[in-house]
Amino acid sequence: MQTFVVAGGCFWCLDAVYRVLRGVSDVVSGYTGGTTASPSYEAVCTGRTGHAEAVAVTFDPDVIPASVILDVFFTLHDPTQLNRQGNDVGTQYRSAMFYTDDEQKQLFETARDRAAEWWGSGITTTIEPLGDYHEAEDYHQDFFNKNPGQGYCMAVAVPKVNKIRKSYSEYLIS
């Protein structure tokens, strides 16, 4: 099993998308990339903690290749938007990849370069060493599946899930 930690807007959307993929065994929403110890959702939302809303995606690379996990990341959000995704604005919504070792760093750099082929040269995604990963509050875990009719989920998460279903159908849970 491998785990990648990525951030690209609200973690509810990232969580919703990765949960529909075969080979993904766990998705944990959390906060990383900042300096505040034990941040809360409310603190992260201020944009003053330095943390990004992120997900730790654990997957079996024998079922779904690491390159697909990373290509999904670059498909489901707009990595050319600096410190935002749509109406979600602030450094907590930045596009970032957090590596644990040199091998992951290289995989992330390669994926970012591959994404530049369709996004162009304006990618703002940072590649940062993973520091402490703070698991988000329980109500954020698997939020989309627990709250499918919630307004944000309907307006923002559903289109992202549908986009991945269309683009990566061979990797969907049946």
Protein backbone atom coordinates (compact mmCIF):
# COMPACT_ATOMS: atom_id res chain seq x y z
CA MET A 1 0.00 0.00 0.00
CA GLN A 2 1.06 3.57 -0.67
CA THR A 3 -0.23 6.86 0.72
CA PHE A 4 -0.15 10.22 -1.04
CA VAL A 5 -1.10 13.47 0.67
CA VAL A 6 -2.54 16.08 -1.68
CA ALA A 7 -4.43 19.36 -1.37
CA GLY A 8 -6.55 20.99 -4.06
CA GLY A 9 -9.41 22.99 -2.65
CA CYS A 10 -11.98 21.74 -0.19
CA PHE A 11 -11.10 18.30 1.13
CA TRP A 12 -14.73 17.18 0.82
CA CYS A 13 -14.33 17.09 -2.97
CA LEU A 14 -11.00 15.30 -2.93
CA ASP A 15 -12.40 12.75 -0.49
CA ALA A 16 -15.53 12.18 -2.59
CA VAL A 17 -13.55 11.58 -5.78
CA TYR A 18 -10.92 9.23 -4.41
CA ARG A 19 -13.53 7.07 -2.65
CA VAL A 20 -15.05 6.00 -6.01
CA LEU A 21 -11.78 4.48 -7.26
CA ARG A 22 -10.93 0.79 -7.12
CA GLY A 23 -7.77 0.12 -5.14
CA VAL A 24 -8.21 3.09 -2.82
CA SER A 25 -8.53 1.62 0.67
CA ASP A 26 -8.71 4.79 2.75
CA VAL A 27 -9.09 8.54 2.42
CA VAL A 28 -8.48 10.68 5.50
CA SER A 29 -9.26 14.39 5.42
CA GLY A 30 -6.87 16.57 7.38
CA TYR A 31 -4.62 19.59 7.59
CA THR A 32 -0.94 19.93 6.74
CA GLY A 33 1.65 22.36 5.46
CA GLY A 34 1.37 24.91 8.24
CA THR A 35 2.88 25.76 11.56
CA THR A 36 -0.08 25.71 13.95
CA ALA A 37 -0.02 22.67 16.24
CA SER A 38 -3.30 20.73 16.45
CA PRO A 39 -5.30 23.03 14.14
CA SER A 40 -9.09 22.98 14.11
CA TYR A 41 -11.28 23.42 11.04
CA GLU A 42 -12.30 26.85 12.28
CA ALA A 43 -8.66 27.91 12.69
CA VAL A 44 -7.65 26.57 9.26
CA CYS A 45 -10.58 28.42 7.66
CA THR A 46 -9.09 31.74 8.81
CA GLY A 47 -6.14 31.19 6.48
CA ARG A 48 -3.72 32.12 9.25
CA THR A 49 -2.47 28.64 10.23
CA GLY A 50 -0.50 27.98 7.04
CA HIS A 51 -2.26 24.61 6.76
CA ALA A 52 -4.06 23.38 3.67
CA GLU A 53 -7.15 21.21 3.63
CA ALA A 54 -5.72 17.93 2.36
CA VAL A 55 -6.44 14.22 2.01
CA ALA A 56 -4.22 11.25 2.72
CA VAL A 57 -5.10 8.71 0.01
CA THR A 58 -4.04 5.12 0.71
CA PHE A 59 -4.13 2.83 -2.31
CA ASP A 60 -2.86 -0.45 -3.70
CA PRO A 61 -0.53 0.32 -6.63
CA ASP A 62 -1.14 -3.20 -7.97
CA VAL A 63 -4.81 -2.27 -8.48
CA ILE A 64 -4.53 1.42 -9.43
CA PRO A 65 -1.18 2.86 -10.53
CA ALA A 66 0.34 5.77 -8.63
CA SER A 67 0.34 7.75 -11.87
CA VAL A 68 -3.46 7.41 -12.09
CA ILE A 69 -3.92 8.59 -8.49
CA LEU A 70 -1.86 11.66 -9.37
CA ASP A 71 -3.51 12.26 -12.75
CA VAL A 72 -6.90 12.15 -11.01
CA PHE A 73 -5.60 14.85 -8.66
CA PHE A 74 -4.72 17.11 -11.58
CA THR A 75 -8.03 16.34 -13.31
CA LEU A 76 -10.36 17.02 -10.39
CA HIS A 77 -9.15 20.53 -9.54
CA ASP A 78 -7.72 23.52 -11.38
CA PRO A 79 -4.02 23.67 -10.48
CA THR A 80 -3.62 27.04 -12.19
CA GLN A 81 -5.64 28.88 -9.53
CA LEU A 82 -3.33 30.28 -6.87
CA ASN A 83 -4.61 29.83 -3.32
CA ARG A 84 -8.17 29.06 -4.39
CA GLN A 85 -10.58 26.69 -6.06
CA GLY A 86 -13.59 28.49 -7.43
CA ASN A 87 -15.26 30.41 -4.61
CA ASP A 88 -13.06 28.78 -1.95
CA VAL A 89 -10.32 31.38 -1.49
CA GLY A 90 -7.27 31.34 0.77
CA THR A 91 -3.99 29.49 1.25
CA GLN A 92 -5.93 26.69 2.95
CA TYR A 93 -7.34 25.85 -0.53
CA ARG A 94 -3.99 25.89 -2.34
CA SER A 95 -2.91 23.18 -4.75
CA ALA A 96 -0.12 21.20 -3.12
CA MET A 97 1.45 17.77 -2.94
CA PHE A 98 3.22 16.68 0.23
CA TYR A 99 5.98 14.09 -0.17
CA THR A 100 7.44 11.70 2.40
CA ASP A 101 10.65 10.78 0.57
CA ASP A 102 12.68 11.51 -2.57
CA GLU A 103 10.84 8.82 -4.55
CA GLN A 104 7.47 10.47 -3.87
CA LYS A 105 8.91 13.88 -4.64
CA GLN A 106 10.05 12.60 -8.05
CA LEU A 107 6.65 10.99 -8.74
CA PHE A 108 4.93 14.27 -7.85
CA GLU A 109 7.26 16.33 -10.05
CA THR A 110 6.70 13.96 -12.96
CA ALA A 111 2.91 14.14 -12.48
CA ARG A 112 3.02 17.94 -12.36
CA ASP A 113 5.07 18.00 -15.56
CA ARG A 114 2.61 15.60 -17.21
CA ALA A 115 -0.30 17.82 -16.11
CA ALA A 116 1.38 20.83 -17.71
CA GLU A 117 0.79 19.12 -21.06
CA TRP A 118 -2.95 19.81 -20.70
CA TRP A 119 -3.01 22.74 -18.23
CA GLY A 120 -0.13 24.70 -19.77
CA SER A 121 2.66 26.49 -17.96
CA GLY A 122 0.51 28.19 -15.31
CA ILE A 123 0.41 25.37 -12.76
CA THR A 124 0.74 26.74 -9.22
CA THR A 125 0.85 23.36 -7.44
CA THR A 126 3.60 23.28 -4.84
CA ILE A 127 5.52 20.16 -3.91
CA GLU A 128 6.39 20.32 -0.24
CA PRO A 129 7.81 17.92 2.35
CA LEU A 130 5.09 16.37 4.49
CA GLY A 131 5.30 17.60 8.03
CA ASP A 132 2.74 16.77 10.67
CA TYR A 133 -0.58 15.56 9.29
CA HIS A 134 -3.51 16.51 11.49
CA GLU A 135 -6.63 14.43 10.95
CA ALA A 136 -9.71 16.60 10.50
CA GLU A 137 -12.69 16.36 12.79
CA ASP A 138 -14.87 13.24 12.43
CA TYR A 139 -17.71 15.05 10.68
CA HIS A 140 -15.36 15.88 7.77
CA GLN A 141 -14.49 12.23 7.12
CA ASP A 142 -16.43 10.80 4.14
CA PHE A 143 -18.49 14.01 4.22
CA PHE A 144 -19.98 13.66 0.73
CA ASN A 145 -21.35 10.16 1.29
CA LYS A 146 -22.80 11.20 4.65
CA ASN A 147 -24.31 14.45 3.26
CA PRO A 148 -25.11 13.88 -0.44
CA GLY A 149 -27.89 16.49 -0.53
CA GLN A 150 -25.84 19.24 1.13
CA GLY A 151 -25.68 22.34 -1.09
CA TYR A 152 -21.89 22.51 -1.48
CA CYS A 153 -21.74 18.81 -2.27
CA MET A 154 -24.42 19.15 -4.95
CA ALA A 155 -22.90 22.25 -6.52
CA VAL A 156 -19.17 21.47 -6.29
CA ALA A 157 -18.43 17.85 -5.38
CA VAL A 158 -20.96 16.12 -7.68
CA PRO A 159 -19.54 17.66 -10.89
CA LYS A 160 -16.02 16.62 -9.84
CA VAL A 161 -17.09 13.06 -9.07
CA ASN A 162 -18.94 12.88 -12.41
CA LYS A 163 -15.89 14.19 -14.26
CA ILE A 164 -13.70 11.47 -12.74
CA ARG A 165 -16.35 8.80 -13.39
CA LYS A 166 -16.27 9.78 -17.07
CA SER A 167 -12.49 10.16 -17.42
CA TYR A 168 -11.37 7.20 -15.30
CA SER A 169 -14.21 4.71 -15.74
CA GLU A 170 -11.84 1.72 -15.90
CA TYR A 171 -10.78 2.41 -12.31
CA LEU A 172 -14.22 2.86 -10.75
CA ILE A 173 -15.55 0.64 -8.00
CA SER A 174 -18.18 -1.52 -9.65
